[in-house]
């Protein structure tokens, strides 16, 4: 019995040590993060986690994406998603604000609130930028697209300018709705944002 207890405690200790060494990243977003239309295990956080692990990084990415969320809804659930073990964050929000033609001021205020809370917690962040559909007019596009570089500079976070770069408006890289990337499209996105995420992780204390 004593031997069994000793073995159990040893395994428990090693498991705890391994868990302590894991870097937990929060991916806060909408359907583009949640993995809308993709098979289980194929979402952006899943694929990004696998890509980082393939590089030898011990990471776990929490998928905090909710389909249909506007930026304000993402901000409203940040406190719930931000567990004590989170060491870094990826923020992908705003696409639904633009698709619905909502005032860019709303998205800007919500993303600012998110970045402020993450800064208060000293959590390094990667901000994934979005762009408004051109049919909304030049004035709207300028105001919306300007949100991300403005906030990245204000909070000193890393900015990936456009999450859908290289994939948007490419039928073969998107699902039937023409909005959400398919497996091929997501592979391109992962390859493009991976250096920024890798840098985010390797710079952690």
Protein backbone atom coordinates (compact mmCIF):
# COMPACT_ATOMS: atom_id res chain seq x y z
CA UNK A 1 0.00 0.00 0.00
CA UNK A 2 2.81 2.38 0.92
CA UNK A 3 4.48 1.68 -2.40
CA UNK A 4 1.27 2.41 -4.29
CA UNK A 5 0.84 5.69 -2.45
CA UNK A 6 4.44 6.64 -3.22
CA UNK A 7 3.99 5.86 -6.91
CA UNK A 8 0.74 7.80 -7.00
CA UNK A 9 2.31 10.85 -5.36
CA UNK A 10 5.22 10.69 -7.77
CA UNK A 11 2.95 10.61 -10.81
CA UNK A 12 0.85 13.44 -9.35
CA UNK A 13 3.98 15.53 -8.77
CA UNK A 14 5.27 14.98 -12.32
CA UNK A 15 1.85 15.79 -13.75
CA UNK A 16 1.75 18.99 -11.74
CA UNK A 17 5.24 19.94 -12.86
CA UNK A 18 4.31 19.35 -16.50
CA UNK A 19 1.15 21.38 -16.13
CA UNK A 20 3.05 24.21 -14.47
CA UNK A 21 5.39 24.36 -17.46
CA UNK A 22 2.56 24.73 -19.96
CA UNK A 23 1.92 28.20 -21.36
CA UNK A 24 -1.81 28.88 -21.55
CA UNK A 25 -2.99 31.29 -24.24
CA UNK A 26 -6.50 32.73 -24.40
CA UNK A 27 -7.95 33.10 -27.91
CA UNK A 28 -10.87 35.52 -27.58
CA UNK A 29 -12.96 35.94 -30.69
CA UNK A 30 -16.02 35.22 -32.77
CA UNK A 31 -16.85 32.47 -35.30
CA UNK A 32 -13.44 32.85 -36.96
CA UNK A 33 -11.91 31.72 -33.67
CA UNK A 34 -14.65 29.29 -32.66
CA UNK A 35 -14.20 27.26 -35.86
CA UNK A 36 -17.60 27.77 -37.47
CA UNK A 37 -18.30 25.13 -40.12
CA UNK A 38 -15.13 23.16 -39.37
CA UNK A 39 -14.79 19.68 -37.91
CA UNK A 40 -13.91 19.34 -34.21
CA UNK A 41 -10.22 19.90 -33.64
CA UNK A 42 -9.87 22.05 -36.78
CA UNK A 43 -10.51 25.52 -35.34
CA UNK A 44 -7.88 28.25 -35.38
CA UNK A 45 -6.89 27.66 -31.72
CA UNK A 46 -6.61 23.89 -32.31
CA UNK A 47 -4.50 24.24 -35.44
CA UNK A 48 -2.36 26.99 -33.94
CA UNK A 49 -1.73 24.97 -30.79
CA UNK A 50 -0.63 21.99 -32.90
CA UNK A 51 1.68 24.20 -34.97
CA UNK A 52 3.33 25.64 -31.86
CA UNK A 53 3.71 22.22 -30.28
CA UNK A 54 5.34 20.97 -33.48
CA UNK A 55 7.97 23.65 -32.87
CA UNK A 56 8.61 22.24 -29.40
CA UNK A 57 6.60 24.82 -27.45
CA UNK A 58 4.53 23.53 -24.54
CA UNK A 59 1.34 25.50 -25.05
CA UNK A 60 -2.38 25.17 -24.53
CA UNK A 61 -4.75 27.52 -26.34
CA UNK A 62 -8.19 28.12 -24.86
CA UNK A 63 -10.83 28.52 -27.55
CA UNK A 64 -12.94 31.43 -26.30
CA UNK A 65 -14.58 32.08 -29.65
CA UNK A 66 -18.35 32.49 -29.87
CA UNK A 67 -20.03 32.58 -33.27
CA UNK A 68 -22.00 35.76 -33.92
CA UNK A 69 -20.33 37.82 -31.21
CA UNK A 70 -19.72 41.48 -31.81
CA UNK A 71 -16.78 43.11 -30.06
CA UNK A 72 -18.90 44.30 -27.12
CA UNK A 73 -20.08 40.77 -26.41
CA UNK A 74 -16.50 39.54 -26.45
CA UNK A 75 -15.57 42.24 -23.96
CA UNK A 76 -18.50 41.30 -21.72
CA UNK A 77 -17.28 37.73 -21.29
CA UNK A 78 -13.56 38.41 -20.98
CA UNK A 79 -13.56 38.25 -17.17
CA UNK A 80 -15.16 34.82 -17.30
CA UNK A 81 -12.68 33.53 -19.89
CA UNK A 82 -9.59 35.06 -18.29
CA UNK A 83 -8.56 32.31 -15.89
CA UNK A 84 -5.56 32.65 -13.58
CA UNK A 85 -3.37 30.39 -15.72
CA UNK A 86 -3.61 32.57 -18.85
CA UNK A 87 -0.17 33.95 -19.71
CA UNK A 88 -0.84 35.46 -23.16
CA UNK A 89 -3.83 36.39 -25.31
CA UNK A 90 -4.94 36.55 -28.93
CA UNK A 91 -7.83 38.91 -29.66
CA UNK A 92 -9.88 38.47 -32.85
CA UNK A 93 -13.05 40.56 -32.78
CA UNK A 94 -14.87 43.13 -34.87
CA UNK A 95 -15.78 41.22 -38.02
CA UNK A 96 -19.45 40.96 -37.02
CA UNK A 97 -19.56 44.66 -36.15
CA UNK A 98 -18.46 45.44 -39.70
CA UNK A 99 -20.76 42.88 -41.33
CA UNK A 100 -23.70 44.47 -39.52
CA UNK A 101 -22.55 47.99 -40.32
CA UNK A 102 -22.39 48.96 -36.65
CA UNK A 103 -20.77 52.23 -35.66
CA UNK A 104 -16.97 51.63 -35.52
CA UNK A 105 -16.92 53.64 -32.28
CA UNK A 106 -18.64 50.70 -30.55
CA UNK A 107 -16.07 48.16 -31.70
CA UNK A 108 -13.22 50.48 -30.81
CA UNK A 109 -14.54 51.03 -27.28
CA UNK A 110 -15.03 47.30 -26.71
CA UNK A 111 -11.59 46.29 -27.98
CA UNK A 112 -10.03 49.10 -25.95
CA UNK A 113 -11.75 47.70 -22.84
CA UNK A 114 -10.36 44.24 -23.60
CA UNK A 115 -6.82 45.49 -24.15
CA UNK A 116 -6.98 47.58 -20.99
CA UNK A 117 -7.95 44.58 -18.87
CA UNK A 118 -5.22 42.47 -20.43
CA UNK A 119 -2.66 45.22 -19.81
CA UNK A 120 -3.81 45.52 -16.20
CA UNK A 121 -3.12 41.81 -15.83
CA UNK A 122 0.24 42.22 -17.61
CA UNK A 123 -0.79 39.71 -20.27
CA UNK A 124 1.09 40.08 -23.59
CA UNK A 125 -1.38 40.24 -26.45
CA UNK A 126 -1.56 39.69 -30.19
CA UNK A 127 -4.32 41.75 -31.83
CA UNK A 128 -5.67 40.27 -35.06
CA UNK A 129 -6.91 43.10 -37.23
CA UNK A 130 -10.00 43.06 -39.41
CA UNK A 131 -11.12 45.10 -42.41
CA UNK A 132 -14.58 46.36 -43.29
CA UNK A 133 -16.30 45.24 -46.52
CA UNK A 134 -15.69 47.89 -49.19
CA UNK A 135 -19.41 48.13 -50.00
CA UNK A 136 -19.92 50.00 -46.71
CA UNK A 137 -18.29 53.08 -48.21
CA UNK A 138 -14.89 54.72 -47.98
CA UNK A 139 -15.69 56.71 -44.84
CA UNK A 140 -16.86 53.67 -42.88
CA UNK A 141 -13.93 51.57 -44.11
CA UNK A 142 -11.41 54.22 -43.06
CA UNK A 143 -12.91 54.54 -39.59
CA UNK A 144 -13.24 50.80 -39.01
CA UNK A 145 -9.90 49.71 -40.47
CA UNK A 146 -8.16 52.39 -38.43
CA UNK A 147 -9.31 50.88 -35.13
CA UNK A 148 -6.65 48.17 -34.98
CA UNK A 149 -3.41 50.08 -35.68
CA UNK A 150 -4.65 52.86 -33.42
CA UNK A 151 -5.30 50.55 -30.46
CA UNK A 152 -2.17 48.46 -31.06
CA UNK A 153 -0.07 51.62 -30.82
CA UNK A 154 -2.01 52.89 -27.81
CA UNK A 155 -1.51 49.70 -25.79
CA UNK A 156 1.81 48.59 -27.21
CA UNK A 157 0.54 45.21 -28.39
CA UNK A 158 1.59 43.24 -31.44
CA UNK A 159 -0.71 43.75 -34.43
CA UNK A 160 -1.32 41.32 -37.26
CA UNK A 161 -2.98 43.79 -39.66
CA UNK A 162 -5.63 41.58 -41.32
CA UNK A 163 -6.58 38.13 -40.05
CA UNK A 164 -8.03 37.01 -43.40
CA UNK A 165 -5.06 38.22 -45.47
CA UNK A 166 -4.57 36.00 -48.52
CA UNK A 167 -7.85 34.16 -47.94
CA UNK A 168 -10.66 36.71 -48.23
CA UNK A 169 -12.60 36.64 -51.53
CA UNK A 170 -10.88 33.42 -52.59
CA UNK A 171 -13.71 30.88 -53.20
CA UNK A 172 -11.43 27.85 -53.02
CA UNK A 173 -10.19 28.93 -49.57
CA UNK A 174 -13.58 29.65 -48.01
CA UNK A 175 -16.71 27.80 -47.08
CA UNK A 176 -19.89 28.10 -49.12
CA UNK A 177 -20.88 31.29 -47.28
CA UNK A 178 -17.82 33.05 -48.68
CA UNK A 179 -17.00 34.41 -45.22
CA UNK A 180 -15.48 31.64 -43.13
CA UNK A 181 -12.22 29.98 -44.16
CA UNK A 182 -12.23 26.28 -44.96
CA UNK A 183 -9.44 23.92 -43.95
CA UNK A 184 -7.19 25.10 -46.78
CA UNK A 185 -7.83 28.74 -46.00
CA UNK A 186 -7.17 28.26 -42.32
CA UNK A 187 -3.87 26.55 -43.08
CA UNK A 188 -2.75 29.72 -44.87
CA UNK A 189 -3.88 31.90 -41.97
CA UNK A 190 -2.05 29.75 -39.42
CA UNK A 191 1.16 29.89 -41.43
CA UNK A 192 0.93 33.68 -41.63
CA UNK A 193 0.18 34.42 -37.97
CA UNK A 194 2.41 31.68 -36.53
CA UNK A 195 5.59 33.82 -36.34
CA UNK A 196 3.80 36.49 -34.31
CA UNK A 197 2.29 33.94 -31.93
CA UNK A 198 5.61 32.13 -31.58
CA UNK A 199 7.28 35.44 -30.74
CA UNK A 200 4.55 36.15 -28.20
CA UNK A 201 5.21 32.84 -26.43
CA UNK A 202 8.99 32.84 -26.53
CA UNK A 203 9.19 36.34 -25.04
CA UNK A 204 7.23 35.33 -21.95
CA UNK A 205 9.18 35.17 -18.69
